[in-house]
PDB file of N, CA and C in Angstrom:
ATOM      1  N   MET A   1     -19.953  13.485   6.538  1.00  0.00           N
ATOM      2  CA  MET A   1     -20.655  12.309   7.240  1.00  0.00           C
ATOM      3  C   MET A   1     -21.178  11.832   5.918  1.00  0.00           C
ATOM      4  N   LYS A   2     -21.050  10.169   6.104  1.00  0.00           N
ATOM      5  CA  LYS A   2     -21.897   9.294   5.188  1.00  0.00           C
ATOM      6  C   LYS A   2     -22.938   9.428   5.110  1.00  0.00           C
ATOM      7  N   THR A   3     -23.765   9.654   4.259  1.00  0.00           N
ATOM      8  CA  THR A   3     -25.437   8.934   4.084  1.00  0.00           C
ATOM      9  C   THR A   3     -25.552   7.351   4.514  1.00  0.00           C
ATOM     10  N   ASN A   4     -27.062   7.083   4.730  1.00  0.00           N
ATOM     11  CA  ASN A   4     -27.423   5.694   4.729  1.00  0.00           C
ATOM     12  C   ASN A   4     -26.761   4.491   3.684  1.00  0.00           C
ATOM     13  N   ARG A   5     -26.916   5.319   2.004  1.00  0.00           N
ATOM     14  CA  ARG A   5     -26.967   4.751   0.901  1.00  0.00           C
ATOM     15  C   ARG A   5     -25.766   4.614   0.945  1.00  0.00           C
ATOM     16  N   GLU A   6     -24.548   5.384   1.113  1.00  0.00           N
ATOM     17  CA  GLU A   6     -23.091   5.342   0.938  1.00  0.00           C
ATOM     18  C   GLU A   6     -22.408   4.556   1.915  1.00  0.00           C
ATOM     19  N   SER A   7     -22.911   4.412   2.873  1.00  0.00           N
ATOM     20  CA  SER A   7     -22.526   3.640   4.225  1.00  0.00           C
ATOM     21  C   SER A   7     -22.381   1.903   3.409  1.00  0.00           C
ATOM     22  N   LYS A   8     -23.763   1.620   3.435  1.00  0.00           N
ATOM     23  CA  LYS A   8     -24.058   0.457   2.586  1.00  0.00           C
ATOM     24  C   LYS A   8     -22.836  -0.069   1.410  1.00  0.00           C
ATOM     25  N   ILE A   9     -22.409   1.041   0.448  1.00  0.00           N
ATOM     26  CA  ILE A   9     -21.496   0.311  -0.781  1.00  0.00           C
ATOM     27  C   ILE A   9     -20.198  -0.168  -0.260  1.00  0.00           C
ATOM     28  N   ALA A  10     -19.700  -1.210   0.011  1.00  0.00           N
ATOM     29  CA  ALA A  10     -18.518  -1.823   0.194  1.00  0.00           C
ATOM     30  C   ALA A  10     -17.306  -0.983  -1.079  1.00  0.00           C
ATOM     31  N   GLN A  11     -16.338  -0.624  -0.165  1.00  0.00           N
ATOM     32  CA  GLN A  11     -15.289   0.056  -1.180  1.00  0.00           C
ATOM     33  C   GLN A  11     -14.191  -0.772  -0.389  1.00  0.00           C
ATOM     34  N   SER A  12     -13.165  -0.683  -1.873  1.00  0.00           N
ATOM     35  CA  SER A  12     -11.784  -1.848  -1.218  1.00  0.00           C
ATOM     36  C   SER A  12     -10.643  -1.336  -2.239  1.00  0.00           C
ATOM     37  N   VAL A  13      -9.638  -1.635  -1.792  1.00  0.00           N
ATOM     38  CA  VAL A  13      -8.565  -1.572  -2.653  1.00  0.00           C
ATOM     39  C   VAL A  13      -7.550  -2.972  -2.608  1.00  0.00           C
ATOM     40  N   ASP A  14      -7.277  -3.010  -4.226  1.00  0.00           N
ATOM     41  CA  ASP A  14      -6.517  -4.444  -4.291  1.00  0.00           C
ATOM     42  C   ASP A  14      -4.915  -3.349  -3.513  1.00  0.00           C
ATOM     43  N   VAL A  15      -4.243  -4.595  -2.795  1.00  0.00           N
ATOM     44  CA  VAL A  15      -3.055  -4.145  -2.778  1.00  0.00           C
ATOM     45  C   VAL A  15      -1.922  -5.702  -3.086  1.00  0.00           C
ATOM     46  N   LYS A  16      -1.110  -5.617  -4.542  1.00  0.00           N
ATOM     47  CA  LYS A  16      -0.398  -6.594  -4.783  1.00  0.00           C
ATOM     48  C   LYS A  16       1.250  -6.225  -4.269  1.00  0.00           C
ATOM     49  N   PHE A  17       1.536  -7.603  -3.869  1.00  0.00           N
ATOM     50  CA  PHE A  17       3.043  -7.810  -3.322  1.00  0.00           C
ATOM     51  C   PHE A  17       4.010  -8.769  -4.114  1.00  0.00           C
ATOM     52  N   LEU A  18       4.833  -8.109  -4.750  1.00  0.00           N
ATOM     53  CA  LEU A  18       5.752  -8.802  -5.521  1.00  0.00           C
ATOM     54  C   LEU A  18       7.047  -9.205  -5.047  1.00  0.00           C
ATOM     55  N   GLY A  19       7.671 -10.509  -5.672  1.00  0.00           N
ATOM     56  CA  GLY A  19       9.346 -10.681  -5.183  1.00  0.00           C
ATOM     57  C   GLY A  19       9.271 -11.424  -3.559  1.00  0.00           C
ATOM     58  N   ALA A  20      10.002 -10.628  -2.859  1.00  0.00           N
ATOM     59  CA  ALA A  20      10.274 -11.065  -1.544  1.00  0.00           C
ATOM     60  C   ALA A  20       9.506 -10.401  -0.651  1.00  0.00           C
ATOM     61  N   PHE A  21       8.968  -8.776  -0.859  1.00  0.00           N
ATOM     62  CA  PHE A  21       7.273  -8.467  -0.358  1.00  0.00           C
ATOM     63  C   PHE A  21       6.377  -9.822   0.009  1.00  0.00           C
ATOM     64  N   LYS A  22       6.063 -10.503  -1.423  1.00  0.00           N
ATOM     65  CA  LYS A  22       4.734 -11.649  -1.002  1.00  0.00           C
ATOM     66  C   LYS A  22       5.164 -12.467  -0.430  1.00  0.00           C
ATOM     67  N   LYS A  23       6.821 -12.645  -0.332  1.00  0.00           N
ATOM     68  CA  LYS A  23       7.298 -14.141   0.697  1.00  0.00           C
ATOM     69  C   LYS A  23       6.836 -13.185   1.853  1.00  0.00           C
ATOM     70  N   ALA A  24       7.259 -11.960   2.601  1.00  0.00           N
ATOM     71  CA  ALA A  24       7.162 -11.437   3.888  1.00  0.00           C
ATOM     72  C   ALA A  24       5.824 -11.492   4.365  1.00  0.00           C
ATOM     73  N   TYR A  25       5.014 -10.913   3.664  1.00  0.00           N
ATOM     74  CA  TYR A  25       3.963 -11.115   4.155  1.00  0.00           C
ATOM     75  C   TYR A  25       2.566 -12.500   3.676  1.00  0.00           C
ATOM     76  N   GLY A  26       3.270 -13.328   3.256  1.00  0.00           N
ATOM     77  CA  GLY A  26       2.574 -14.418   3.031  1.00  0.00           C
ATOM     78  C   GLY A  26       1.920 -14.910   2.165  1.00  0.00           C
ATOM     79  N   ASN A  27       1.348 -13.716   1.428  1.00  0.00           N
ATOM     80  CA  ASN A  27       0.238 -13.521   0.210  1.00  0.00           C
ATOM     81  C   ASN A  27       0.445 -12.795  -0.780  1.00  0.00           C
ATOM     82  N   GLY A  28       0.297 -13.108  -1.860  1.00  0.00           N
ATOM     83  CA  GLY A  28       0.907 -12.011  -3.293  1.00  0.00           C
ATOM     84  C   GLY A  28      -0.152 -11.194  -3.438  1.00  0.00           C
ATOM     85  N   GLN A  29      -1.255 -10.965  -2.890  1.00  0.00           N
ATOM     86  CA  GLN A  29      -2.231  -9.962  -2.899  1.00  0.00           C
ATOM     87  C   GLN A  29      -3.348  -9.944  -1.392  1.00  0.00           C
ATOM     88  N   VAL A  30      -4.010  -8.744  -1.027  1.00  0.00           N
ATOM     89  CA  VAL A  30      -4.728  -8.248   0.166  1.00  0.00           C
ATOM     90  C   VAL A  30      -5.772  -7.570  -0.494  1.00  0.00           C
ATOM     91  N   SER A  31      -7.120  -7.518  -0.306  1.00  0.00           N
ATOM     92  CA  SER A  31      -8.160  -6.813  -0.386  1.00  0.00           C
ATOM     93  C   SER A  31      -8.705  -6.250   0.920  1.00  0.00           C
ATOM     94  N   LEU A  32      -8.341  -4.849   1.027  1.00  0.00           N
ATOM     95  CA  LEU A  32      -8.894  -3.899   2.243  1.00  0.00           C
ATOM     96  C   LEU A  32      -9.409  -3.341   1.596  1.00  0.00           C
ATOM     97  N   GLN A  33     -10.684  -3.684   2.957  1.00  0.00           N
ATOM     98  CA  GLN A  33     -11.534  -2.200   2.652  1.00  0.00           C
ATOM     99  C   GLN A  33     -11.622  -1.174   3.478  1.00  0.00           C
ATOM    100  N   LEU A  34     -12.082   0.396   2.447  1.00  0.00           N
ATOM    101  CA  LEU A  34     -12.226   0.934   2.568  1.00  0.00           C
ATOM    102  C   LEU A  34     -13.695   2.121   3.448  1.00  0.00           C
ATOM    103  N   LYS A  35     -13.294   2.874   4.556  1.00  0.00           N
ATOM    104  CA  LYS A  35     -14.392   3.687   4.516  1.00  0.00           C
ATOM    105  C   LYS A  35     -14.299   4.952   3.532  1.00  0.00           C
ATOM    106  N   GLY A  36     -13.682   5.099   2.674  1.00  0.00           N
ATOM    107  CA  GLY A  36     -13.323   6.165   1.624  1.00  0.00           C
ATOM    108  C   GLY A  36     -12.370   6.428   1.701  1.00  0.00           C
ATOM    109  N   LYS A  37     -11.899   7.403   0.694  1.00  0.00           N
ATOM    110  CA  LYS A  37     -10.589   7.761   0.327  1.00  0.00           C
ATOM    111  C   LYS A  37      -9.838   7.735   1.023  1.00  0.00           C
ATOM    112  N   GLU A  38      -8.847   7.165   1.331  1.00  0.00           N
ATOM    113  CA  GLU A  38      -7.629   7.183   2.398  1.00  0.00           C
ATOM    114  C   GLU A  38      -6.324   7.702   1.756  1.00  0.00           C
ATOM    115  N   LYS A  39      -5.277   7.776   2.225  1.00  0.00           N
ATOM    116  CA  LYS A  39      -4.219   8.300   1.642  1.00  0.00           C
ATOM    117  C   LYS A  39      -3.404   7.099   1.921  1.00  0.00           C
ATOM    118  N   LEU A  40      -2.253   6.842   0.836  1.00  0.00           N
ATOM    119  CA  LEU A  40      -1.031   5.809   1.011  1.00  0.00           C
ATOM    120  C   LEU A  40      -0.651   5.634   2.206  1.00  0.00           C
ATOM    121  N   ALA A  41      -0.233   6.452   2.527  1.00  0.00           N
ATOM    122  CA  ALA A  41       0.686   6.503   4.247  1.00  0.00           C
ATOM    123  C   ALA A  41      -0.263   5.558   4.995  1.00  0.00           C
ATOM    124  N   SER A  42      -1.509   5.631   5.175  1.00  0.00           N
ATOM    125  CA  SER A  42      -2.161   5.013   6.083  1.00  0.00           C
ATOM    126  C   SER A  42      -2.625   3.645   5.932  1.00  0.00           C
ATOM    127  N   ILE A  43      -2.566   3.549   4.352  1.00  0.00           N
ATOM    128  CA  ILE A  43      -2.527   2.386   3.882  1.00  0.00           C
ATOM    129  C   ILE A  43      -1.395   1.353   4.287  1.00  0.00           C
ATOM    130  N   ILE A  44      -0.277   2.066   4.137  1.00  0.00           N
ATOM    131  CA  ILE A  44       0.823   1.622   4.321  1.00  0.00           C
ATOM    132  C   ILE A  44       1.139   1.005   5.621  1.00  0.00           C
ATOM    133  N   GLN A  45       0.766   2.014   6.217  1.00  0.00           N
ATOM    134  CA  GLN A  45       0.939   1.946   8.100  1.00  0.00           C
ATOM    135  C   GLN A  45      -0.085   0.475   8.592  1.00  0.00           C
ATOM    136  N   ALA A  46      -1.276   0.529   7.969  1.00  0.00           N
ATOM    137  CA  ALA A  46      -2.170  -0.531   8.085  1.00  0.00           C
ATOM    138  C   ALA A  46      -1.407  -2.085   8.094  1.00  0.00           C
ATOM    139  N   ILE A  47      -1.261  -1.754   6.820  1.00  0.00           N
ATOM    140  CA  ILE A  47      -0.316  -3.086   6.237  1.00  0.00           C
ATOM    141  C   ILE A  47       0.956  -3.473   7.069  1.00  0.00           C
ATOM    142  N   THR A  48       1.629  -2.730   7.243  1.00  0.00           N
ATOM    143  CA  THR A  48       2.786  -2.806   7.757  1.00  0.00           C
ATOM    144  C   THR A  48       2.310  -3.597   9.291  1.00  0.00           C
ATOM    145  N   ASP A  49       1.801  -2.720  10.029  1.00  0.00           N
ATOM    146  CA  ASP A  49       1.141  -2.806  11.458  1.00  0.00           C
ATOM    147  C   ASP A  49       0.430  -4.752  11.693  1.00  0.00           C
ATOM    148  N   SER A  50       0.061  -5.169  10.143  1.00  0.00           N
ATOM    149  CA  SER A  50      -0.079  -6.593  10.409  1.00  0.00           C
ATOM    150  C   SER A  50       0.815  -7.296  10.533  1.00  0.00           C
ATOM    151  N   SER A  51       1.857  -6.793   9.572  1.00  0.00           N
ATOM    152  CA  SER A  51       2.862  -7.896   9.257  1.00  0.00           C
ATOM    153  C   SER A  51       4.240  -7.597   9.511  1.00  0.00           C
ATOM    154  N   PRO A  52       4.964  -7.913  10.782  1.00  0.00           N
ATOM    155  CA  PRO A  52       6.149  -7.316  11.111  1.00  0.00           C
ATOM    156  C   PRO A  52       7.221  -7.542   9.788  1.00  0.00           C
ATOM    157  N   GLU A  53       7.241  -9.223   9.545  1.00  0.00           N
ATOM    158  CA  GLU A  53       8.524  -9.282   8.597  1.00  0.00           C
ATOM    159  C   GLU A  53       7.871  -8.367   7.221  1.00  0.00           C
ATOM    160  N   LEU A  54       7.121  -8.023   6.623  1.00  0.00           N
ATOM    161  CA  LEU A  54       6.406  -7.010   5.537  1.00  0.00           C
ATOM    162  C   LEU A  54       7.104  -5.629   6.139  1.00  0.00           C
ATOM    163  N   ARG A  55       7.522  -5.223   7.242  1.00  0.00           N
ATOM    164  CA  ARG A  55       7.345  -4.133   7.959  1.00  0.00           C
ATOM    165  C   ARG A  55       9.106  -4.307   8.138  1.00  0.00           C
ATOM    166  N   ARG A  56       9.697  -5.303   8.203  1.00  0.00           N
ATOM    167  CA  ARG A  56      11.002  -5.304   8.233  1.00  0.00           C
ATOM    168  C   ARG A  56      11.534  -4.514   6.766  1.00  0.00           C
ATOM    169  N   ILE A  57      11.425  -5.201   5.996  1.00  0.00           N
ATOM    170  CA  ILE A  57      11.851  -5.305   4.703  1.00  0.00           C
ATOM    171  C   ILE A  57      11.432  -4.201   3.806  1.00  0.00           C
ATOM    172  N   LEU A  58       9.988  -3.813   3.879  1.00  0.00           N
ATOM    173  CA  LEU A  58       9.516  -2.469   3.239  1.00  0.00           C
ATOM    174  C   LEU A  58      10.446  -1.383   3.964  1.00  0.00           C
ATOM    175  N   LEU A  59      10.195  -0.980   5.165  1.00  0.00           N
ATOM    176  CA  LEU A  59       9.713   0.286   5.764  1.00  0.00           C
ATOM    177  C   LEU A  59      11.541   0.355   5.809  1.00  0.00           C
ATOM    178  N   ASP A  60      12.373   1.555   5.650  1.00  0.00           N
ATOM    179  CA  ASP A  60      13.435   2.005   6.213  1.00  0.00           C
ATOM    180  C   ASP A  60      13.518   2.498   7.394  1.00  0.00           C
ATOM    181  N   PRO A  61      14.572   1.257   8.138  1.00  0.00           N
ATOM    182  CA  PRO A  61      14.180   1.915   9.732  1.00  0.00           C
ATOM    183  C   PRO A  61      14.511   3.058  10.444  1.00  0.00           C
ATOM    184  N   GLU A  62      15.641   4.056   9.175  1.00  0.00           N
ATOM    185  CA  GLU A  62      15.485   5.767   9.814  1.00  0.00           C
ATOM    186  C   GLU A  62      14.681   6.248   9.591  1.00  0.00           C
ATOM    187  N   LEU A  63      14.265   6.208   8.152  1.00  0.00           N
ATOM    188  CA  LEU A  63      13.406   7.011   7.800  1.00  0.00           C
ATOM    189  C   LEU A  63      11.507   6.626   8.062  1.00  0.00           C
ATOM    190  N   GLU A  64      11.400   5.301   8.393  1.00  0.00           N
ATOM    191  CA  GLU A  64      10.134   4.858   8.506  1.00  0.00           C
ATOM    192  C   GLU A  64       9.550   4.964   7.090  1.00  0.00           C
ATOM    193  N   ASP A  65       9.957   4.750   6.124  1.00  0.00           N
ATOM    194  CA  ASP A  65       9.651   4.865   4.708  1.00  0.00           C
ATOM    195  C   ASP A  65      10.031   4.218   3.907  1.00  0.00           C
ATOM    196  N   PRO A  66       8.592   3.437   2.848  1.00  0.00           N
ATOM    197  CA  PRO A  66       9.054   2.619   2.168  1.00  0.00           C
ATOM    198  C   PRO A  66      10.006   2.789   0.526  1.00  0.00           C
ATOM    199  N   ARG A  67       9.876   4.291   0.657  1.00  0.00           N
ATOM    200  CA  ARG A  67      10.367   4.363  -0.956  1.00  0.00           C
ATOM    201  C   ARG A  67      12.130   4.288  -1.107  1.00  0.00           C
ATOM    202  N   PRO A  68      13.023   3.405  -0.326  1.00  0.00           N
ATOM    203  CA  PRO A  68      14.429   3.717  -0.473  1.00  0.00           C
ATOM    204  C   PRO A  68      14.162   2.223  -1.345  1.00  0.00           C
ATOM    205  N   ASN A  69      13.207   1.507  -0.380  1.00  0.00           N
ATOM    206  CA  ASN A  69      13.323  -0.298  -0.542  1.00  0.00           C
ATOM    207  C   ASN A  69      12.010  -0.703  -1.954  1.00  0.00           C
ATOM    208  N   ALA A  70      11.179   0.255  -2.029  1.00  0.00           N
ATOM    209  CA  ALA A  70      10.058  -0.093  -3.442  1.00  0.00           C
ATOM    210  C   ALA A  70       9.601   0.736  -3.635  1.00  0.00           C
ATOM    211  N   ILE A  71       9.279   0.255  -5.516  1.00  0.00           N
ATOM    212  CA  ILE A  71       9.038   1.045  -5.958  1.00  0.00           C
ATOM    213  C   ILE A  71       7.318   1.010  -5.818  1.00  0.00           C
ATOM    214  N   ILE A  72       6.459   1.977  -5.875  1.00  0.00           N
ATOM    215  CA  ILE A  72       5.206   1.683  -5.406  1.00  0.00           C
ATOM    216  C   ILE A  72       4.048   2.152  -6.725  1.00  0.00           C
ATOM    217  N   LEU A  73       3.260   1.593  -6.899  1.00  0.00           N
ATOM    218  CA  LEU A  73       2.555   1.966  -8.205  1.00  0.00           C
ATOM    219  C   LEU A  73       1.219   2.031  -7.261  1.00  0.00           C
ATOM    220  N   VAL A  74       0.443   2.762  -7.710  1.00  0.00           N
ATOM    221  CA  VAL A  74      -0.526   3.286  -8.052  1.00  0.00           C
ATOM    222  C   VAL A  74      -1.723   3.170  -8.950  1.00  0.00           C
ATOM    223  N   ASN A  75      -2.483   2.383  -9.398  1.00  0.00           N
ATOM    224  CA  ASN A  75      -3.312   2.159 -10.804  1.00  0.00           C
ATOM    225  C   ASN A  75      -2.132   2.285 -11.848  1.00  0.00           C
ATOM    226  N   ARG A  76      -1.031   1.614 -11.683  1.00  0.00           N
ATOM    227  CA  ARG A  76      -0.001   1.651 -12.637  1.00  0.00           C
ATOM    228  C   ARG A  76       0.607   3.016 -12.745  1.00  0.00           C
ATOM    229  N   LYS A  77       0.866   3.827 -12.173  1.00  0.00           N
ATOM    230  CA  LYS A  77       1.078   4.997 -11.766  1.00  0.00           C
ATOM    231  C   LYS A  77       2.443   4.662 -10.597  1.00  0.00           C
ATOM    232  N   GLU A  78       3.482   5.055 -10.985  1.00  0.00           N
ATOM    233  CA  GLU A  78       4.565   5.238 -10.129  1.00  0.00           C
ATOM    234  C   GLU A  78       4.167   6.525  -9.119  1.00  0.00           C
ATOM    235  N   ILE A  79       4.458   6.240  -7.877  1.00  0.00           N
ATOM    236  CA  ILE A  79       4.254   7.504  -6.871  1.00  0.00           C
ATOM    237  C   ILE A  79       4.729   8.504  -6.897  1.00  0.00           C
ATOM    238  N   GLY A  80       5.946   8.546  -7.485  1.00  0.00           N
ATOM    239  CA  GLY A  80       6.424   9.837  -7.780  1.00  0.00           C
ATOM    240  C   GLY A  80       6.034  11.020  -8.249  1.00  0.00           C
ATOM    241  N   VAL A  81       5.407  10.101  -9.594  1.00  0.00           N
ATOM    242  CA  VAL A  81       4.314  11.385  -9.977  1.00  0.00           C
ATOM    243  C   VAL A  81       3.079  11.610  -9.721  1.00  0.00           C
ATOM    244  N   LEU A  82       2.675  11.200  -8.900  1.00  0.00           N
ATOM    245  CA  LEU A  82       1.140  11.052  -8.223  1.00  0.00           C
ATOM    246  C   LEU A  82       1.926  12.047  -7.072  1.00  0.00           C
ATOM    247  N   ASN A  83       1.322  12.245  -5.777  1.00  0.00           N
ATOM    248  CA  ASN A  83       1.668  12.766  -4.586  1.00  0.00           C
ATOM    249  C   ASN A  83       2.470  12.119  -3.513  1.00  0.00           C
ATOM    250  N   GLY A  84       2.975  11.403  -4.213  1.00  0.00           N
ATOM    251  CA  GLY A  84       3.703  10.376  -3.189  1.00  0.00           C
ATOM    252  C   GLY A  84       2.554   9.285  -1.898  1.00  0.00           C
ATOM    253  N   LEU A  85       3.367   9.740  -1.136  1.00  0.00           N
ATOM    254  CA  LEU A  85       2.796   9.057  -0.081  1.00  0.00           C
ATOM    255  C   LEU A  85       1.357   9.012   0.479  1.00  0.00           C
ATOM    256  N   GLU A  86       1.059  10.950   0.173  1.00  0.00           N
ATOM    257  CA  GLU A  86      -0.042  11.530   0.566  1.00  0.00           C
ATOM    258  C   GLU A  86      -1.142  11.407  -0.890  1.00  0.00           C
ATOM    259  N   THR A  87      -1.153  10.316  -2.172  1.00  0.00           N
ATOM    260  CA  THR A  87      -1.893   9.799  -2.609  1.00  0.00           C
ATOM    261  C   THR A  87      -3.088   9.324  -2.556  1.00  0.00           C
ATOM    262  N   GLU A  88      -3.871   9.913  -2.488  1.00  0.00           N
ATOM    263  CA  GLU A  88      -5.302   9.082  -2.698  1.00  0.00           C
ATOM    264  C   GLU A  88      -5.615   8.174  -2.819  1.00  0.00           C
ATOM    265  N   VAL A  89      -6.559   7.334  -2.165  1.00  0.00           N
ATOM    266  CA  VAL A  89      -6.582   5.897  -2.988  1.00  0.00           C
ATOM    267  C   VAL A  89      -8.046   5.759  -2.761  1.00  0.00           C
ATOM    268  N   GLY A  90      -8.784   5.445  -3.239  1.00  0.00           N
ATOM    269  CA  GLY A  90     -10.178   4.958  -3.327  1.00  0.00           C
ATOM    270  C   GLY A  90     -10.309   3.643  -4.213  1.00  0.00           C
ATOM    271  N   ASN A  91     -11.800   3.496  -3.654  1.00  0.00           N
ATOM    272  CA  ASN A  91     -12.847   2.350  -4.119  1.00  0.00           C
ATOM    273  C   ASN A  91     -12.088   1.875  -5.545  1.00  0.00           C
ATOM    274  N   ARG A  92     -12.006   0.473  -5.483  1.00  0.00           N
ATOM    275  CA  ARG A  92     -11.088  -0.652  -6.740  1.00  0.00           C
ATOM    276  C   ARG A  92     -10.370  -0.090  -7.184  1.00  0.00           C
ATOM    277  N   ASP A  93      -8.817   0.395  -6.724  1.00  0.00           N
ATOM    278  CA  ASP A  93      -8.157   1.042  -6.868  1.00  0.00           C
ATOM    279  C   ASP A  93      -6.831   0.029  -7.001  1.00  0.00           C
ATOM    280  N   GLU A  94      -6.079  -0.231  -7.660  1.00  0.00           N
ATOM    281  CA  GLU A  94      -4.884  -1.108  -6.969  1.00  0.00           C
ATOM    282  C   GLU A  94      -3.434  -0.447  -7.029  1.00  0.00           C
ATOM    283  N   ILE A  95      -3.057  -1.271  -5.753  1.00  0.00           N
ATOM    284  CA  ILE A  95      -1.587  -0.957  -5.169  1.00  0.00           C
ATOM    285  C   ILE A  95      -0.467  -1.893  -5.147  1.00  0.00           C
ATOM    286  N   VAL A  96       0.933  -1.394  -6.033  1.00  0.00           N
ATOM    287  CA  VAL A  96       1.333  -2.763  -6.411  1.00  0.00           C
ATOM    288  C   VAL A  96       3.146  -2.288  -5.683  1.00  0.00           C
ATOM    289  N   PHE A  97       3.230  -3.157  -4.959  1.00  0.00           N
ATOM    290  CA  PHE A  97       4.576  -2.930  -4.225  1.00  0.00           C
ATOM    291  C   PHE A  97       6.241  -3.722  -5.078  1.00  0.00           C
ATOM    292  N   ILE A  98       6.779  -3.398  -5.533  1.00  0.00           N
ATOM    293  CA  ILE A  98       7.926  -3.851  -6.094  1.00  0.00           C
ATOM    294  C   ILE A  98       9.013  -3.641  -5.330  1.00  0.00           C
ATOM    295  N   PRO A  99       9.885  -4.858  -5.036  1.00  0.00           N
ATOM    296  CA  PRO A  99      11.172  -4.660  -4.363  1.00  0.00           C
ATOM    297  C   PRO A  99      12.229  -3.989  -5.191  1.00  0.00           C
ATOM    298  N   VAL A 100      13.430  -3.211  -4.755  1.00  0.00           N
ATOM    299  CA  VAL A 100      14.112  -2.494  -5.678  1.00  0.00           C
ATOM    300  C   VAL A 100      15.210  -3.576  -4.805  1.00  0.00           C
ATOM    301  N   ILE A 101      16.493  -3.596  -5.538  1.00  0.00           N
ATOM    302  CA  ILE A 101      17.520  -4.619  -4.867  1.00  0.00           C
ATOM    303  C   ILE A 101      18.433  -3.600  -5.132  1.00  0.00           C
ATOM    304  N   HIS A 102      19.347  -3.353  -3.598  1.00  0.00           N
ATOM    305  CA  HIS A 102      19.906  -2.926  -3.615  1.00  0.00           C
ATOM    306  C   HIS A 102      21.790  -3.668  -3.569  1.00  0.00           C
ATOM    307  N   GLY A 103      22.598  -2.622  -4.350  1.00  0.00           N
ATOM    308  CA  GLY A 103      23.752  -3.420  -4.360  1.00  0.00           C
ATOM    309  C   GLY A 103      25.373  -2.515  -4.511  1.00  0.00           C
ATOM    310  N   GLY A 104      25.743  -3.124  -4.175  1.00  0.00           N
ATOM    311  CA  GLY A 104      27.411  -2.191  -4.332  1.00  0.00           C
ATOM    312  C   GLY A 104      28.544  -2.511  -4.366  1.00  0.00           C
TER     313      GLY A 104
END
């Protein structure tokens, strides 16, 4: 439980979208308010719930997972070297979504 002092401190995370993700979201950057540390998966869920177009191109429809379609960085580190979608994100952290181009 947060003390009164802790609850008054605003916490936020900066989220950046590059390439097609920027166009789909309608903005290249958004700052999200946090109640404390949150898992990357819950942040992605909140973002995609607010933007159906981003959801369509970010999440793999069968897996409901963004990793086949995006390189995701948290504080300039690819989430594969962190804890994947379970990576905890906190105040002043930065998340960047970079689209992966598939070809054949």
